[in-house]
N, C-alpha and C. Protein backbone atom coordinates (compact mmCIF):
# COMPACT_ATOMS: atom_id res chain seq x y z
N MET A 1 36.30 13.68 -21.81
CA MET A 1 36.15 14.92 -21.05
C MET A 1 35.71 14.56 -19.64
N ASN A 2 36.38 15.07 -18.66
CA ASN A 2 36.04 14.79 -17.27
C ASN A 2 35.69 16.10 -16.58
N ARG A 3 34.41 16.35 -16.45
CA ARG A 3 33.91 17.59 -15.87
C ARG A 3 33.87 17.46 -14.36
N LYS A 4 34.23 18.51 -13.65
CA LYS A 4 34.18 18.50 -12.19
C LYS A 4 32.72 18.54 -11.74
N PRO A 5 32.40 17.84 -10.62
CA PRO A 5 31.02 17.80 -10.15
C PRO A 5 30.40 19.18 -9.93
N ASN A 6 31.16 20.15 -9.40
CA ASN A 6 30.55 21.46 -9.14
C ASN A 6 30.24 22.20 -10.44
N GLU A 7 31.04 21.99 -11.50
CA GLU A 7 30.73 22.59 -12.81
C GLU A 7 29.45 21.98 -13.37
N LEU A 8 29.35 20.67 -13.27
CA LEU A 8 28.16 19.97 -13.74
C LEU A 8 26.93 20.42 -12.96
N SER A 9 27.07 20.53 -11.63
CA SER A 9 25.93 20.91 -10.81
C SER A 9 25.43 22.30 -11.16
N GLU A 10 26.35 23.23 -11.37
CA GLU A 10 25.95 24.59 -11.75
C GLU A 10 25.22 24.60 -13.09
N TYR A 11 25.72 23.84 -14.02
CA TYR A 11 25.11 23.76 -15.35
C TYR A 11 23.70 23.16 -15.27
N VAL A 12 23.58 22.00 -14.62
CA VAL A 12 22.29 21.32 -14.52
C VAL A 12 21.29 22.18 -13.74
N GLU A 13 21.74 22.76 -12.64
CA GLU A 13 20.84 23.60 -11.84
C GLU A 13 20.37 24.81 -12.63
N TYR A 14 21.22 25.37 -13.45
CA TYR A 14 20.82 26.53 -14.25
C TYR A 14 19.79 26.12 -15.31
N ILE A 15 20.07 25.07 -16.05
CA ILE A 15 19.16 24.64 -17.12
C ILE A 15 17.82 24.16 -16.54
N LEU A 16 17.86 23.42 -15.46
CA LEU A 16 16.64 22.86 -14.86
C LEU A 16 16.19 23.65 -13.63
N ARG A 17 16.46 24.94 -13.63
CA ARG A 17 16.20 25.76 -12.43
C ARG A 17 14.75 25.75 -11.97
N ASN A 18 13.80 25.51 -12.86
CA ASN A 18 12.39 25.45 -12.46
C ASN A 18 11.99 24.07 -11.95
N ASP A 19 12.87 23.09 -12.13
CA ASP A 19 12.54 21.71 -11.75
C ASP A 19 13.31 21.20 -10.55
N VAL A 20 14.54 21.67 -10.37
CA VAL A 20 15.38 21.19 -9.27
C VAL A 20 14.95 21.89 -7.98
N LYS A 21 14.48 21.10 -7.02
CA LYS A 21 14.02 21.63 -5.74
C LYS A 21 15.18 21.76 -4.75
N GLU A 22 16.17 20.87 -4.89
CA GLU A 22 17.32 20.86 -4.00
C GLU A 22 18.46 20.17 -4.73
N ALA A 23 19.68 20.62 -4.48
CA ALA A 23 20.86 19.98 -5.07
C ALA A 23 21.94 19.90 -4.00
N ARG A 24 22.68 18.79 -4.03
CA ARG A 24 23.77 18.63 -3.06
C ARG A 24 24.84 17.72 -3.65
N LEU A 25 26.02 17.88 -3.10
CA LEU A 25 27.15 17.05 -3.47
C LEU A 25 27.44 16.13 -2.30
N THR A 26 27.43 14.81 -2.53
CA THR A 26 27.76 13.85 -1.49
C THR A 26 28.95 13.04 -1.98
N ASN A 27 30.04 13.10 -1.24
CA ASN A 27 31.31 12.53 -1.70
C ASN A 27 31.61 13.12 -3.07
N SER A 28 31.66 12.31 -4.10
CA SER A 28 31.91 12.86 -5.43
C SER A 28 30.67 12.77 -6.31
N ASP A 29 29.52 12.44 -5.71
CA ASP A 29 28.29 12.30 -6.48
C ASP A 29 27.40 13.53 -6.31
N TYR A 30 26.73 13.84 -7.36
CA TYR A 30 25.82 14.97 -7.40
C TYR A 30 24.40 14.44 -7.31
N VAL A 31 23.59 15.01 -6.40
CA VAL A 31 22.21 14.58 -6.20
C VAL A 31 21.30 15.77 -6.43
N ILE A 32 20.27 15.56 -7.27
CA ILE A 32 19.25 16.60 -7.44
C ILE A 32 17.90 16.03 -7.04
N LYS A 33 17.12 16.83 -6.34
CA LYS A 33 15.77 16.44 -5.93
C LYS A 33 14.78 17.17 -6.81
N ILE A 34 13.85 16.40 -7.37
CA ILE A 34 12.84 16.97 -8.26
C ILE A 34 11.45 16.45 -7.86
N ALA A 35 10.43 17.11 -8.37
CA ALA A 35 9.06 16.65 -8.17
C ALA A 35 8.76 15.54 -9.17
N PRO A 36 7.85 14.63 -8.84
CA PRO A 36 7.50 13.56 -9.78
C PRO A 36 7.08 14.08 -11.16
N SER A 37 6.43 15.23 -11.18
CA SER A 37 5.97 15.80 -12.46
C SER A 37 7.12 16.21 -13.37
N SER A 38 8.33 16.36 -12.82
CA SER A 38 9.50 16.76 -13.61
C SER A 38 10.37 15.59 -14.04
N LEU A 39 9.98 14.37 -13.69
CA LEU A 39 10.85 13.21 -13.92
C LEU A 39 11.20 13.01 -15.39
N ILE A 40 10.22 12.96 -16.26
CA ILE A 40 10.48 12.67 -17.68
C ILE A 40 11.30 13.79 -18.30
N LYS A 41 10.94 15.03 -18.02
CA LYS A 41 11.69 16.17 -18.55
C LYS A 41 13.15 16.13 -18.09
N THR A 42 13.38 15.85 -16.81
CA THR A 42 14.72 15.84 -16.25
C THR A 42 15.56 14.71 -16.84
N ILE A 43 15.01 13.50 -16.87
CA ILE A 43 15.76 12.35 -17.40
C ILE A 43 16.05 12.56 -18.90
N THR A 44 15.10 13.09 -19.64
CA THR A 44 15.31 13.36 -21.06
C THR A 44 16.44 14.36 -21.26
N PHE A 45 16.43 15.44 -20.47
CA PHE A 45 17.50 16.43 -20.56
C PHE A 45 18.86 15.80 -20.23
N LEU A 46 18.94 15.08 -19.12
CA LEU A 46 20.20 14.49 -18.69
C LEU A 46 20.73 13.48 -19.71
N ARG A 47 19.83 12.80 -20.39
CA ARG A 47 20.24 11.83 -21.40
C ARG A 47 20.68 12.50 -22.70
N ASP A 48 19.93 13.52 -23.14
CA ASP A 48 20.12 14.07 -24.49
C ASP A 48 21.05 15.26 -24.58
N ASP A 49 21.25 15.99 -23.48
CA ASP A 49 22.07 17.19 -23.53
C ASP A 49 23.53 16.81 -23.82
N ASN A 50 24.16 17.51 -24.76
CA ASN A 50 25.53 17.20 -25.18
C ASN A 50 26.57 17.38 -24.09
N VAL A 51 26.28 18.17 -23.08
CA VAL A 51 27.21 18.33 -21.97
C VAL A 51 27.07 17.16 -20.99
N CYS A 52 25.88 16.63 -20.86
CA CYS A 52 25.61 15.59 -19.86
C CYS A 52 25.77 14.17 -20.40
N LEU A 53 24.88 13.78 -21.30
CA LEU A 53 24.87 12.44 -21.90
C LEU A 53 24.84 11.31 -20.86
N PHE A 54 23.92 11.43 -19.89
CA PHE A 54 23.70 10.36 -18.90
C PHE A 54 22.80 9.31 -19.54
N CYS A 55 23.42 8.39 -20.27
CA CYS A 55 22.69 7.41 -21.08
C CYS A 55 22.51 6.06 -20.42
N SER A 56 23.12 5.87 -19.26
CA SER A 56 23.09 4.57 -18.61
C SER A 56 22.59 4.71 -17.18
N ILE A 57 21.91 3.69 -16.71
CA ILE A 57 21.42 3.67 -15.33
C ILE A 57 22.05 2.49 -14.61
N SER A 58 22.59 2.74 -13.41
CA SER A 58 23.19 1.63 -12.67
C SER A 58 22.19 1.01 -11.70
N ASP A 59 21.28 1.80 -11.16
CA ASP A 59 20.25 1.24 -10.30
C ASP A 59 19.17 2.26 -9.97
N ILE A 60 18.10 1.75 -9.44
CA ILE A 60 17.03 2.57 -8.86
C ILE A 60 16.96 2.15 -7.39
N LEU A 61 17.19 3.10 -6.51
CA LEU A 61 17.17 2.85 -5.07
C LEU A 61 15.89 3.43 -4.48
N VAL A 62 15.38 2.79 -3.45
CA VAL A 62 14.20 3.30 -2.77
C VAL A 62 14.49 3.36 -1.28
N VAL A 63 14.17 4.50 -0.67
CA VAL A 63 14.28 4.66 0.77
C VAL A 63 12.86 4.83 1.30
N ASP A 64 12.51 4.01 2.28
CA ASP A 64 11.17 4.00 2.87
C ASP A 64 11.22 4.69 4.23
N THR A 65 10.49 5.81 4.35
CA THR A 65 10.40 6.53 5.62
C THR A 65 8.92 6.71 5.94
N PRO A 66 8.30 5.72 6.62
CA PRO A 66 6.85 5.75 6.87
C PRO A 66 6.35 6.99 7.59
N SER A 67 7.19 7.63 8.39
CA SER A 67 6.75 8.79 9.17
C SER A 67 6.66 10.07 8.32
N ASN A 68 7.23 10.06 7.13
CA ASN A 68 7.19 11.25 6.27
C ASN A 68 5.93 11.27 5.41
N GLU A 69 5.47 12.48 5.09
CA GLU A 69 4.34 12.62 4.17
C GLU A 69 4.70 11.99 2.83
N PHE A 70 5.91 12.28 2.35
CA PHE A 70 6.41 11.66 1.13
C PHE A 70 7.21 10.44 1.59
N ARG A 71 6.51 9.34 1.70
CA ARG A 71 7.06 8.14 2.33
C ARG A 71 8.31 7.60 1.63
N PHE A 72 8.29 7.62 0.31
CA PHE A 72 9.40 7.04 -0.44
C PHE A 72 10.25 8.11 -1.10
N SER A 73 11.55 7.87 -1.11
CA SER A 73 12.47 8.63 -1.96
C SER A 73 13.01 7.63 -2.96
N VAL A 74 12.73 7.89 -4.23
CA VAL A 74 13.19 7.02 -5.31
C VAL A 74 14.40 7.71 -5.94
N TYR A 75 15.52 7.00 -5.98
CA TYR A 75 16.76 7.54 -6.51
C TYR A 75 17.11 6.83 -7.81
N TYR A 76 17.27 7.60 -8.87
CA TYR A 76 17.73 7.08 -10.15
C TYR A 76 19.22 7.40 -10.25
N ASN A 77 20.06 6.39 -10.29
CA ASN A 77 21.51 6.57 -10.33
C ASN A 77 21.97 6.44 -11.79
N LEU A 78 22.24 7.59 -12.41
CA LEU A 78 22.59 7.64 -13.83
C LEU A 78 24.10 7.83 -14.00
N ILE A 79 24.62 7.31 -15.11
CA ILE A 79 26.05 7.40 -15.40
C ILE A 79 26.24 8.02 -16.78
N SER A 80 27.21 8.95 -16.86
CA SER A 80 27.65 9.48 -18.14
C SER A 80 29.09 9.04 -18.35
N TYR A 81 29.28 8.14 -19.29
CA TYR A 81 30.65 7.72 -19.63
C TYR A 81 31.35 8.82 -20.40
N HIS A 82 30.57 9.68 -21.03
CA HIS A 82 31.11 10.81 -21.81
C HIS A 82 31.90 11.78 -20.93
N ILE A 83 31.35 12.08 -19.75
CA ILE A 83 32.03 13.03 -18.86
C ILE A 83 32.60 12.37 -17.61
N GLY A 84 32.40 11.07 -17.49
CA GLY A 84 32.96 10.35 -16.35
C GLY A 84 32.33 10.73 -15.02
N GLN A 85 31.00 10.92 -15.00
CA GLN A 85 30.31 11.33 -13.77
C GLN A 85 29.06 10.49 -13.55
N ARG A 86 28.63 10.50 -12.30
CA ARG A 86 27.33 9.92 -11.92
C ARG A 86 26.47 11.05 -11.39
N ILE A 87 25.17 10.87 -11.52
CA ILE A 87 24.22 11.80 -10.93
C ILE A 87 23.07 10.97 -10.37
N MET A 88 22.59 11.38 -9.20
CA MET A 88 21.42 10.72 -8.63
C MET A 88 20.26 11.69 -8.68
N VAL A 89 19.17 11.23 -9.25
CA VAL A 89 17.96 12.03 -9.32
C VAL A 89 17.01 11.48 -8.26
N GLU A 90 16.72 12.31 -7.25
CA GLU A 90 15.84 11.91 -6.15
C GLU A 90 14.44 12.42 -6.41
N VAL A 91 13.47 11.50 -6.27
CA VAL A 91 12.07 11.85 -6.48
C VAL A 91 11.28 11.39 -5.25
N PRO A 92 10.90 12.33 -4.38
CA PRO A 92 10.09 11.95 -3.22
C PRO A 92 8.62 11.76 -3.64
N ILE A 93 8.02 10.66 -3.17
CA ILE A 93 6.62 10.38 -3.52
C ILE A 93 5.86 9.88 -2.31
N LYS A 94 4.55 10.07 -2.36
CA LYS A 94 3.66 9.49 -1.36
C LYS A 94 3.42 8.03 -1.73
N SER A 95 2.97 7.25 -0.77
CA SER A 95 2.76 5.82 -1.04
C SER A 95 1.66 5.59 -2.06
N SER A 96 0.77 6.54 -2.23
CA SER A 96 -0.32 6.38 -3.20
C SER A 96 0.04 6.89 -4.60
N ASP A 97 1.20 7.52 -4.75
CA ASP A 97 1.59 8.10 -6.04
C ASP A 97 2.01 7.03 -7.04
N THR A 98 1.87 7.37 -8.31
CA THR A 98 2.36 6.55 -9.41
C THR A 98 3.40 7.36 -10.16
N LEU A 99 4.58 6.79 -10.32
CA LEU A 99 5.63 7.46 -11.09
C LEU A 99 5.52 7.08 -12.56
N LYS A 100 5.91 7.98 -13.43
CA LYS A 100 5.98 7.65 -14.85
C LYS A 100 7.23 6.80 -15.07
N SER A 101 7.09 5.79 -15.87
CA SER A 101 8.23 4.93 -16.20
C SER A 101 9.22 5.70 -17.06
N ILE A 102 10.51 5.46 -16.82
CA ILE A 102 11.54 6.06 -17.66
C ILE A 102 12.12 5.02 -18.62
N SER A 103 11.53 3.83 -18.66
CA SER A 103 12.10 2.74 -19.45
C SER A 103 12.09 3.02 -20.95
N HIS A 104 11.23 3.91 -21.41
CA HIS A 104 11.25 4.28 -22.83
C HIS A 104 12.42 5.22 -23.13
N LEU A 105 12.97 5.84 -22.08
CA LEU A 105 14.13 6.74 -22.24
C LEU A 105 15.44 6.00 -22.01
N ILE A 106 15.46 5.17 -20.97
CA ILE A 106 16.64 4.37 -20.62
C ILE A 106 16.15 2.93 -20.41
N PRO A 107 16.28 2.09 -21.44
CA PRO A 107 15.69 0.74 -21.38
C PRO A 107 16.11 -0.09 -20.17
N GLY A 108 17.31 0.10 -19.66
CA GLY A 108 17.76 -0.67 -18.50
C GLY A 108 16.92 -0.43 -17.25
N ALA A 109 16.13 0.63 -17.24
CA ALA A 109 15.31 0.96 -16.07
C ALA A 109 14.10 0.02 -15.93
N LYS A 110 13.72 -0.64 -17.01
CA LYS A 110 12.49 -1.46 -16.98
C LYS A 110 12.54 -2.52 -15.87
N ILE A 111 13.61 -3.27 -15.80
CA ILE A 111 13.69 -4.34 -14.80
C ILE A 111 13.89 -3.76 -13.39
N MET A 112 14.55 -2.61 -13.30
CA MET A 112 14.74 -1.96 -12.00
C MET A 112 13.42 -1.43 -11.46
N GLU A 113 12.56 -0.93 -12.34
CA GLU A 113 11.23 -0.50 -11.93
C GLU A 113 10.41 -1.69 -11.45
N ARG A 114 10.55 -2.82 -12.12
CA ARG A 114 9.87 -4.04 -11.67
C ARG A 114 10.29 -4.40 -10.25
N GLU A 115 11.58 -4.32 -9.99
CA GLU A 115 12.09 -4.67 -8.67
C GLU A 115 11.58 -3.69 -7.60
N ALA A 116 11.58 -2.39 -7.91
CA ALA A 116 11.07 -1.39 -6.96
C ALA A 116 9.58 -1.61 -6.70
N HIS A 117 8.86 -2.02 -7.73
CA HIS A 117 7.43 -2.31 -7.56
C HIS A 117 7.23 -3.54 -6.68
N GLU A 118 8.02 -4.56 -6.93
CA GLU A 118 7.89 -5.80 -6.18
C GLU A 118 8.27 -5.63 -4.71
N MET A 119 9.35 -4.92 -4.45
CA MET A 119 9.86 -4.81 -3.09
C MET A 119 9.17 -3.73 -2.25
N PHE A 120 8.69 -2.66 -2.91
CA PHE A 120 8.11 -1.54 -2.17
C PHE A 120 6.68 -1.20 -2.58
N GLY A 121 6.17 -1.81 -3.65
CA GLY A 121 4.82 -1.53 -4.11
C GLY A 121 4.69 -0.24 -4.90
N ILE A 122 5.79 0.33 -5.34
CA ILE A 122 5.74 1.58 -6.11
C ILE A 122 5.20 1.27 -7.50
N LYS A 123 4.26 2.10 -7.92
CA LYS A 123 3.63 1.91 -9.23
C LYS A 123 4.32 2.78 -10.27
N PHE A 124 4.53 2.21 -11.47
CA PHE A 124 5.16 2.92 -12.58
C PHE A 124 4.22 2.88 -13.78
N ALA A 125 3.70 4.05 -14.14
CA ALA A 125 2.80 4.15 -15.29
C ALA A 125 3.58 3.86 -16.56
N LYS A 126 2.98 3.13 -17.45
CA LYS A 126 3.52 2.78 -18.77
C LYS A 126 4.66 1.78 -18.74
N ASN A 127 4.86 1.10 -17.62
CA ASN A 127 5.72 -0.07 -17.61
C ASN A 127 4.75 -1.25 -17.57
N GLU A 128 4.59 -1.90 -18.72
CA GLU A 128 3.57 -2.94 -18.87
C GLU A 128 3.88 -4.22 -18.12
N ASN A 129 5.13 -4.40 -17.70
CA ASN A 129 5.51 -5.66 -17.06
C ASN A 129 6.03 -5.42 -15.65
N LEU A 130 5.11 -5.34 -14.71
CA LEU A 130 5.50 -5.18 -13.31
C LEU A 130 5.27 -6.48 -12.53
N LYS A 131 5.31 -7.61 -13.25
CA LYS A 131 5.18 -8.91 -12.59
C LYS A 131 6.38 -9.14 -11.68
N PRO A 132 6.17 -9.88 -10.58
CA PRO A 132 7.27 -10.14 -9.65
C PRO A 132 8.46 -10.84 -10.33
N LEU A 133 9.64 -10.42 -9.93
CA LEU A 133 10.88 -11.04 -10.41
C LEU A 133 11.30 -12.18 -9.49
N TYR A 134 11.17 -11.98 -8.18
CA TYR A 134 11.75 -12.89 -7.20
C TYR A 134 10.71 -13.61 -6.34
N LEU A 135 9.58 -12.98 -6.10
CA LEU A 135 8.64 -13.47 -5.10
C LEU A 135 7.39 -14.06 -5.74
N CYS A 136 6.65 -14.82 -4.96
CA CYS A 136 5.35 -15.33 -5.41
C CYS A 136 4.38 -14.16 -5.53
N ASP A 137 3.34 -14.34 -6.34
CA ASP A 137 2.38 -13.27 -6.59
C ASP A 137 1.67 -12.78 -5.33
N ASN A 138 1.51 -13.63 -4.33
CA ASN A 138 0.74 -13.24 -3.14
C ASN A 138 1.60 -12.63 -2.03
N VAL A 139 2.89 -12.44 -2.23
CA VAL A 139 3.76 -11.84 -1.22
C VAL A 139 3.71 -10.32 -1.37
N ARG A 140 3.49 -9.64 -0.24
CA ARG A 140 3.30 -8.20 -0.25
C ARG A 140 4.59 -7.45 0.09
N SER A 141 5.13 -6.72 -0.83
CA SER A 141 6.24 -5.76 -0.69
C SER A 141 7.08 -5.97 0.57
N PRO A 142 8.00 -6.91 0.58
CA PRO A 142 8.72 -7.27 1.81
C PRO A 142 9.68 -6.21 2.35
N MET A 143 10.03 -5.20 1.57
CA MET A 143 10.98 -4.21 2.05
C MET A 143 10.31 -3.03 2.77
N LEU A 144 8.99 -3.02 2.83
CA LEU A 144 8.30 -1.95 3.56
C LEU A 144 8.62 -2.04 5.04
N LYS A 145 8.80 -0.90 5.68
CA LYS A 145 9.19 -0.88 7.10
C LYS A 145 8.19 -1.60 7.99
N GLU A 146 6.90 -1.42 7.77
CA GLU A 146 5.94 -2.05 8.67
C GLU A 146 5.92 -3.57 8.49
N ILE A 147 6.25 -4.06 7.32
CA ILE A 147 6.34 -5.50 7.11
C ILE A 147 7.50 -6.06 7.93
N LYS A 148 8.65 -5.38 7.89
CA LYS A 148 9.80 -5.82 8.67
C LYS A 148 9.49 -5.81 10.16
N GLU A 149 8.78 -4.78 10.64
CA GLU A 149 8.44 -4.69 12.05
C GLU A 149 7.48 -5.81 12.46
N GLU A 150 6.51 -6.16 11.57
CA GLU A 150 5.60 -7.26 11.86
C GLU A 150 6.36 -8.56 11.98
N ASN A 151 7.33 -8.77 11.12
CA ASN A 151 8.10 -10.02 11.14
C ASN A 151 9.02 -10.11 12.34
N ASN A 152 9.41 -9.00 12.94
CA ASN A 152 10.30 -9.01 14.09
C ASN A 152 9.57 -9.21 15.41
N GLU A 153 8.26 -9.12 15.39
CA GLU A 153 7.49 -9.27 16.64
C GLU A 153 7.32 -10.72 17.02
């Protein structure tokens, strides 16, 4: 079954109407913005609902905007092979916030959360293994904007 993005967006927005703060279509991808407190509920719905079945994650992206109150936008890029669609779940957070891990819902997220923690310092509650994947223990989040600016001086 191949559902059109606008049909999917209407359905998801209706079911999650109290959680979706903003929705948009970019190219052929559907993006929904939610509050951190809605993350587990939203991912569980997208994974378990028979219309959606977003059971796979391709990546977790982080955008760092130091000038914003919500410095980071964390994007969960989910795939439903059942309907042949992708959806991005955007979660804006402050640098001091801790996100709940989704690795118990989608196991592939565990290593992606580790990478987001290592590169940006984002904390994920209930992910027991946030040890660095690539860097030494004493290296501080190299993808942060102010780190890049310090290195360019």
